[in-house]
Amino acid sequence: MFMSVLLAVNGTLMRGLELCKNMEDAGAEFVKEDATAPCYRLWSVNDNNPAMLKVKEGGVSVHLEVWEVPEAGLADILKKEPPGLSIGKVQLKDGSYVLGVIAEPWVVEGMKDISQFQGWRSYIASKA
């Protein structure tokens, strides 16, 4: 029996960006564009990748993509994530939860808060 999970990704794993190949190599298929509930903050980690954390106050809704990932491919994706990024539960704007890429708090220490852009793609576009 084929088992899969939904995985929310923000940033370099998005379609057309640098690490999208990791998703494709894991057998993932794009499902939809979506956004989180307004309870997250987003940081740029040295302008290499985004890091998202759930917060108690001052959160925003972050744009992301939801992919269907074979369970066997989930470990491959996680192994290729930068240190400090992991898989956790992410709340979508409709209140539902899916697995998603989230950051450990130490990753964002001293990094640029880019929450006002509501997504990595918007932040990168602002720099062009």
N, C-alpha and C. Protein backbone atom coordinates (compact mmCIF):
# COMPACT_ATOMS: atom_id res chain seq x y z
N MET A 1 0.85 -1.18 0.00
CA MET A 1 0.00 0.00 0.00
C MET A 1 0.89 1.24 0.00
N PHE A 2 0.59 2.19 -0.87
CA PHE A 2 1.33 3.44 -0.99
C PHE A 2 0.82 4.42 0.05
N MET A 3 1.71 4.88 0.94
CA MET A 3 1.34 5.85 1.96
C MET A 3 2.04 7.17 1.63
N SER A 4 1.34 8.28 1.88
CA SER A 4 1.95 9.58 1.65
C SER A 4 1.47 10.54 2.73
N VAL A 5 2.19 11.66 2.85
CA VAL A 5 1.84 12.70 3.79
C VAL A 5 1.84 14.03 3.05
N LEU A 6 1.09 14.98 3.58
CA LEU A 6 1.13 16.33 3.03
C LEU A 6 2.22 17.09 3.76
N LEU A 7 3.03 17.82 3.02
CA LEU A 7 4.14 18.57 3.58
C LEU A 7 4.07 20.01 3.08
N ALA A 8 4.04 20.96 4.02
CA ALA A 8 4.05 22.38 3.67
C ALA A 8 5.49 22.87 3.64
N VAL A 9 5.86 23.55 2.56
CA VAL A 9 7.21 24.07 2.44
C VAL A 9 7.17 25.54 2.07
N ASN A 10 8.10 26.27 2.63
CA ASN A 10 8.25 27.68 2.35
C ASN A 10 9.69 27.89 1.91
N GLY A 11 9.86 28.58 0.81
CA GLY A 11 11.21 28.97 0.49
C GLY A 11 11.87 28.19 -0.59
N THR A 12 13.12 27.79 -0.35
CA THR A 12 13.95 27.26 -1.42
C THR A 12 13.44 25.94 -1.96
N LEU A 13 12.50 25.31 -1.29
CA LEU A 13 11.95 24.07 -1.84
C LEU A 13 10.78 24.33 -2.77
N MET A 14 10.37 25.58 -2.92
CA MET A 14 9.22 25.88 -3.75
C MET A 14 9.53 25.66 -5.23
N ARG A 15 8.47 25.43 -5.97
CA ARG A 15 8.59 25.20 -7.42
C ARG A 15 9.46 26.27 -8.07
N GLY A 16 10.38 25.81 -8.88
CA GLY A 16 11.21 26.72 -9.65
C GLY A 16 12.39 27.30 -8.90
N LEU A 17 12.50 27.03 -7.61
CA LEU A 17 13.63 27.55 -6.85
C LEU A 17 14.67 26.47 -6.62
N GLU A 18 15.78 26.85 -6.04
CA GLU A 18 16.99 26.04 -5.97
C GLU A 18 16.80 24.60 -5.53
N LEU A 19 16.12 24.37 -4.42
CA LEU A 19 16.06 23.01 -3.88
C LEU A 19 14.79 22.26 -4.25
N CYS A 20 14.06 22.74 -5.23
CA CYS A 20 12.86 22.04 -5.69
C CYS A 20 13.20 20.62 -6.12
N LYS A 21 14.40 20.43 -6.63
CA LYS A 21 14.83 19.10 -7.07
C LYS A 21 14.76 18.09 -5.93
N ASN A 22 15.01 18.52 -4.69
CA ASN A 22 14.91 17.61 -3.55
C ASN A 22 13.50 17.04 -3.43
N MET A 23 12.50 17.87 -3.66
CA MET A 23 11.11 17.42 -3.59
C MET A 23 10.84 16.42 -4.72
N GLU A 24 11.25 16.77 -5.91
CA GLU A 24 11.01 15.90 -7.06
C GLU A 24 11.73 14.57 -6.90
N ASP A 25 12.99 14.60 -6.40
CA ASP A 25 13.75 13.38 -6.20
C ASP A 25 13.09 12.45 -5.17
N ALA A 26 12.36 13.04 -4.23
CA ALA A 26 11.67 12.26 -3.20
C ALA A 26 10.32 11.73 -3.69
N GLY A 27 9.97 12.04 -4.94
CA GLY A 27 8.70 11.58 -5.49
C GLY A 27 7.51 12.43 -5.07
N ALA A 28 7.77 13.64 -4.58
CA ALA A 28 6.70 14.53 -4.14
C ALA A 28 5.97 15.14 -5.33
N GLU A 29 4.70 15.44 -5.12
CA GLU A 29 3.89 16.10 -6.14
C GLU A 29 3.23 17.33 -5.54
N PHE A 30 3.32 18.44 -6.27
CA PHE A 30 2.71 19.69 -5.83
C PHE A 30 1.20 19.51 -5.72
N VAL A 31 0.61 20.00 -4.61
CA VAL A 31 -0.83 19.92 -4.39
C VAL A 31 -1.48 21.29 -4.57
N LYS A 32 -0.98 22.31 -3.84
CA LYS A 32 -1.61 23.63 -3.90
C LYS A 32 -0.75 24.68 -3.23
N GLU A 33 -1.03 25.93 -3.58
CA GLU A 33 -0.48 27.06 -2.83
C GLU A 33 -1.42 27.32 -1.68
N ASP A 34 -0.88 27.74 -0.55
CA ASP A 34 -1.70 27.98 0.64
C ASP A 34 -0.97 29.00 1.50
N ALA A 35 -1.42 29.17 2.72
CA ALA A 35 -0.78 30.07 3.68
C ALA A 35 -1.03 29.54 5.08
N THR A 36 -0.17 29.93 6.00
CA THR A 36 -0.32 29.53 7.39
C THR A 36 -1.38 30.39 8.07
N ALA A 37 -1.80 29.94 9.23
CA ALA A 37 -2.56 30.80 10.13
C ALA A 37 -1.62 31.95 10.51
N PRO A 38 -2.16 33.09 10.94
CA PRO A 38 -1.30 34.25 11.24
C PRO A 38 -0.59 34.13 12.59
N CYS A 39 0.19 33.09 12.75
CA CYS A 39 0.88 32.86 14.02
C CYS A 39 2.33 32.43 13.81
N TYR A 40 2.94 32.90 12.73
CA TYR A 40 4.33 32.54 12.42
C TYR A 40 5.14 33.79 12.14
N ARG A 41 6.45 33.68 12.30
CA ARG A 41 7.42 34.69 11.89
C ARG A 41 8.39 33.99 10.95
N LEU A 42 8.99 34.79 10.07
CA LEU A 42 9.87 34.25 9.03
C LEU A 42 11.19 35.03 9.04
N TRP A 43 12.30 34.31 8.97
CA TRP A 43 13.63 34.91 8.95
C TRP A 43 14.40 34.46 7.72
N SER A 44 15.33 35.30 7.29
CA SER A 44 16.29 34.92 6.26
C SER A 44 17.55 34.44 6.98
N VAL A 45 17.97 33.24 6.69
CA VAL A 45 19.20 32.69 7.27
C VAL A 45 20.33 32.96 6.28
N ASN A 46 21.02 34.07 6.52
CA ASN A 46 22.15 34.49 5.67
C ASN A 46 21.78 34.58 4.19
N ASP A 47 20.54 34.88 3.91
CA ASP A 47 20.02 34.97 2.54
C ASP A 47 20.20 33.67 1.75
N ASN A 48 20.35 32.55 2.46
CA ASN A 48 20.46 31.24 1.81
C ASN A 48 19.15 30.47 1.84
N ASN A 49 18.39 30.61 2.92
CA ASN A 49 17.13 29.90 3.06
C ASN A 49 16.28 30.57 4.13
N PRO A 50 14.98 30.33 4.09
CA PRO A 50 14.09 30.88 5.12
C PRO A 50 14.03 29.96 6.33
N ALA A 51 13.60 30.52 7.44
CA ALA A 51 13.35 29.75 8.66
C ALA A 51 12.06 30.30 9.27
N MET A 52 11.12 29.43 9.54
CA MET A 52 9.81 29.82 10.05
C MET A 52 9.60 29.23 11.44
N LEU A 53 9.09 30.07 12.35
CA LEU A 53 8.78 29.65 13.72
C LEU A 53 7.37 30.07 14.08
N LYS A 54 6.68 29.25 14.83
CA LYS A 54 5.38 29.62 15.37
C LYS A 54 5.63 30.50 16.60
N VAL A 55 4.84 31.58 16.73
CA VAL A 55 5.01 32.52 17.84
C VAL A 55 3.67 32.74 18.55
N LYS A 56 3.76 33.20 19.81
CA LYS A 56 2.54 33.47 20.58
C LYS A 56 1.92 34.81 20.21
N GLU A 57 2.76 35.80 19.85
CA GLU A 57 2.29 37.15 19.52
C GLU A 57 3.04 37.67 18.31
N GLY A 58 2.39 38.56 17.56
CA GLY A 58 3.06 39.23 16.45
C GLY A 58 3.26 38.38 15.21
N GLY A 59 2.47 37.32 15.08
CA GLY A 59 2.62 36.45 13.93
C GLY A 59 1.96 37.00 12.67
N VAL A 60 2.38 36.46 11.55
CA VAL A 60 1.80 36.79 10.25
C VAL A 60 1.41 35.49 9.55
N SER A 61 0.66 35.61 8.50
CA SER A 61 0.35 34.47 7.64
C SER A 61 1.46 34.36 6.60
N VAL A 62 2.08 33.19 6.49
CA VAL A 62 3.20 32.98 5.59
C VAL A 62 2.73 32.15 4.39
N HIS A 63 3.04 32.64 3.18
CA HIS A 63 2.70 31.91 1.96
C HIS A 63 3.58 30.67 1.85
N LEU A 64 2.98 29.58 1.42
CA LEU A 64 3.72 28.33 1.28
C LEU A 64 3.07 27.46 0.22
N GLU A 65 3.68 26.32 -0.01
CA GLU A 65 3.14 25.32 -0.92
C GLU A 65 2.94 24.03 -0.15
N VAL A 66 1.92 23.29 -0.53
CA VAL A 66 1.65 21.98 0.06
C VAL A 66 1.95 20.94 -1.02
N TRP A 67 2.76 19.95 -0.64
CA TRP A 67 3.16 18.88 -1.53
C TRP A 67 2.73 17.56 -0.92
N GLU A 68 2.40 16.59 -1.77
CA GLU A 68 2.16 15.24 -1.31
C GLU A 68 3.47 14.48 -1.46
N VAL A 69 3.93 13.90 -0.35
CA VAL A 69 5.24 13.26 -0.31
C VAL A 69 5.07 11.80 0.11
N PRO A 70 5.63 10.87 -0.65
CA PRO A 70 5.63 9.47 -0.19
C PRO A 70 6.36 9.40 1.16
N GLU A 71 5.83 8.60 2.08
CA GLU A 71 6.46 8.51 3.40
C GLU A 71 7.94 8.18 3.29
N ALA A 72 8.30 7.31 2.38
CA ALA A 72 9.71 6.94 2.21
C ALA A 72 10.56 8.13 1.79
N GLY A 73 9.98 9.09 1.10
CA GLY A 73 10.72 10.27 0.63
C GLY A 73 10.88 11.35 1.68
N LEU A 74 10.07 11.29 2.74
CA LEU A 74 10.11 12.33 3.77
C LEU A 74 11.49 12.38 4.45
N ALA A 75 12.05 11.24 4.76
CA ALA A 75 13.38 11.20 5.39
C ALA A 75 14.44 11.78 4.47
N ASP A 76 14.34 11.50 3.18
CA ASP A 76 15.31 12.04 2.23
C ASP A 76 15.26 13.56 2.20
N ILE A 77 14.06 14.12 2.24
CA ILE A 77 13.92 15.57 2.24
C ILE A 77 14.53 16.16 3.51
N LEU A 78 14.22 15.57 4.64
CA LEU A 78 14.72 16.07 5.91
C LEU A 78 16.24 16.01 5.98
N LYS A 79 16.84 14.96 5.45
CA LYS A 79 18.30 14.83 5.45
C LYS A 79 18.96 15.95 4.65
N LYS A 80 18.27 16.48 3.65
CA LYS A 80 18.84 17.52 2.79
C LYS A 80 18.56 18.93 3.29
N GLU A 81 17.76 19.07 4.34
CA GLU A 81 17.47 20.39 4.89
C GLU A 81 18.71 20.94 5.58
N PRO A 82 18.89 22.26 5.57
CA PRO A 82 20.00 22.85 6.31
C PRO A 82 19.88 22.54 7.81
N PRO A 83 20.98 22.51 8.54
CA PRO A 83 20.93 22.26 9.98
C PRO A 83 19.98 23.23 10.68
N GLY A 84 19.23 22.68 11.63
CA GLY A 84 18.30 23.51 12.39
C GLY A 84 16.90 23.58 11.81
N LEU A 85 16.71 23.05 10.61
CA LEU A 85 15.37 22.98 10.03
C LEU A 85 14.90 21.54 10.16
N SER A 86 13.63 21.39 10.52
CA SER A 86 13.10 20.05 10.76
C SER A 86 11.64 19.99 10.34
N ILE A 87 11.04 18.85 10.57
CA ILE A 87 9.64 18.65 10.23
C ILE A 87 8.81 18.76 11.51
N GLY A 88 7.74 19.55 11.44
CA GLY A 88 6.82 19.70 12.56
C GLY A 88 5.43 19.95 12.02
N LYS A 89 4.49 20.20 12.89
CA LYS A 89 3.12 20.50 12.45
C LYS A 89 2.98 22.00 12.21
N VAL A 90 2.40 22.33 11.05
CA VAL A 90 2.18 23.71 10.64
C VAL A 90 0.68 23.92 10.49
N GLN A 91 0.18 24.99 11.10
CA GLN A 91 -1.24 25.31 11.02
C GLN A 91 -1.51 26.16 9.79
N LEU A 92 -2.42 25.70 8.95
CA LEU A 92 -2.80 26.44 7.75
C LEU A 92 -3.88 27.46 8.08
N LYS A 93 -4.12 28.38 7.13
CA LYS A 93 -5.08 29.47 7.38
C LYS A 93 -6.48 28.97 7.66
N ASP A 94 -6.85 27.75 7.20
CA ASP A 94 -8.18 27.22 7.46
C ASP A 94 -8.28 26.51 8.82
N GLY A 95 -7.16 26.53 9.58
CA GLY A 95 -7.15 25.90 10.90
C GLY A 95 -6.65 24.46 10.90
N SER A 96 -6.53 23.85 9.74
CA SER A 96 -6.03 22.47 9.68
C SER A 96 -4.52 22.46 9.86
N TYR A 97 -3.98 21.28 10.14
CA TYR A 97 -2.54 21.11 10.31
C TYR A 97 -2.01 20.13 9.29
N VAL A 98 -0.82 20.41 8.79
CA VAL A 98 -0.07 19.50 7.94
C VAL A 98 1.37 19.48 8.45
N LEU A 99 2.11 18.47 8.06
CA LEU A 99 3.53 18.50 8.37
C LEU A 99 4.18 19.62 7.58
N GLY A 100 5.19 20.23 8.15
CA GLY A 100 5.85 21.33 7.46
C GLY A 100 7.26 21.52 7.94
N VAL A 101 8.02 22.31 7.19
CA VAL A 101 9.39 22.61 7.54
C VAL A 101 9.38 23.79 8.50
N ILE A 102 9.91 23.57 9.70
CA ILE A 102 9.99 24.62 10.72
C ILE A 102 11.42 24.69 11.23
N ALA A 103 11.73 25.80 11.92
CA ALA A 103 13.09 26.02 12.41
C ALA A 103 13.18 25.80 13.91
N GLU A 104 14.36 25.41 14.34
CA GLU A 104 14.67 25.43 15.75
C GLU A 104 15.01 26.88 16.10
N PRO A 105 14.64 27.36 17.29
CA PRO A 105 14.84 28.78 17.63
C PRO A 105 16.27 29.30 17.46
N TRP A 106 17.28 28.49 17.72
CA TRP A 106 18.66 28.97 17.63
C TRP A 106 19.04 29.38 16.20
N VAL A 107 18.34 28.83 15.20
CA VAL A 107 18.67 29.12 13.81
C VAL A 107 18.44 30.60 13.47
N VAL A 108 17.45 31.22 14.10
CA VAL A 108 17.08 32.59 13.74
C VAL A 108 17.78 33.66 14.58
N GLU A 109 18.54 33.24 15.58
CA GLU A 109 19.25 34.22 16.41
C GLU A 109 20.19 35.05 15.56
N GLY A 110 20.01 36.36 15.59
CA GLY A 110 20.84 37.28 14.84
C GLY A 110 20.54 37.35 13.35
N MET A 111 19.50 36.67 12.90
CA MET A 111 19.14 36.67 11.48
C MET A 111 18.09 37.75 11.20
N LYS A 112 17.92 38.09 9.94
CA LYS A 112 17.01 39.16 9.52
C LYS A 112 15.57 38.64 9.52
N ASP A 113 14.70 39.33 10.27
CA ASP A 113 13.28 39.01 10.28
C ASP A 113 12.67 39.55 8.98
N ILE A 114 12.09 38.66 8.20
CA ILE A 114 11.50 39.05 6.90
C ILE A 114 10.00 38.78 6.88
N SER A 115 9.40 38.75 8.05
CA SER A 115 7.98 38.41 8.16
C SER A 115 7.09 39.33 7.33
N GLN A 116 7.48 40.59 7.19
CA GLN A 116 6.64 41.54 6.45
C GLN A 116 6.46 41.14 4.99
N PHE A 117 7.34 40.28 4.47
CA PHE A 117 7.22 39.83 3.09
C PHE A 117 6.28 38.62 2.97
N GLN A 118 5.95 37.99 4.06
CA GLN A 118 5.03 36.86 4.14
C GLN A 118 5.45 35.66 3.29
N GLY A 119 6.70 35.60 2.89
CA GLY A 119 7.16 34.45 2.12
C GLY A 119 8.55 34.69 1.57
N TRP A 120 9.27 33.62 1.35
CA TRP A 120 10.64 33.69 0.83
C TRP A 120 10.68 34.25 -0.58
N ARG A 121 9.76 33.81 -1.42
CA ARG A 121 9.75 34.26 -2.81
C ARG A 121 9.58 35.78 -2.88
N SER A 122 8.68 36.34 -2.06
CA SER A 122 8.48 37.80 -2.04
C SER A 122 9.73 38.51 -1.53
N TYR A 123 10.37 37.95 -0.54
CA TYR A 123 11.61 38.55 -0.01
C TYR A 123 12.68 38.58 -1.09
N ILE A 124 12.90 37.45 -1.76
CA ILE A 124 13.92 37.38 -2.81
C ILE A 124 13.61 38.37 -3.93
N ALA A 125 12.34 38.48 -4.31
CA ALA A 125 11.94 39.43 -5.36
C ALA A 125 12.24 40.87 -4.95
N SER A 126 12.12 41.18 -3.66
CA SER A 126 12.38 42.54 -3.19
C SER A 126 13.85 42.92 -3.32
N LYS A 127 14.72 41.94 -3.37
CA LYS A 127 16.14 42.18 -3.45
C LYS A 127 16.62 42.38 -4.90
N ALA A 128 15.78 42.00 -5.85
CA ALA A 128 16.18 42.07 -7.27
C ALA A 128 16.15 43.50 -7.79
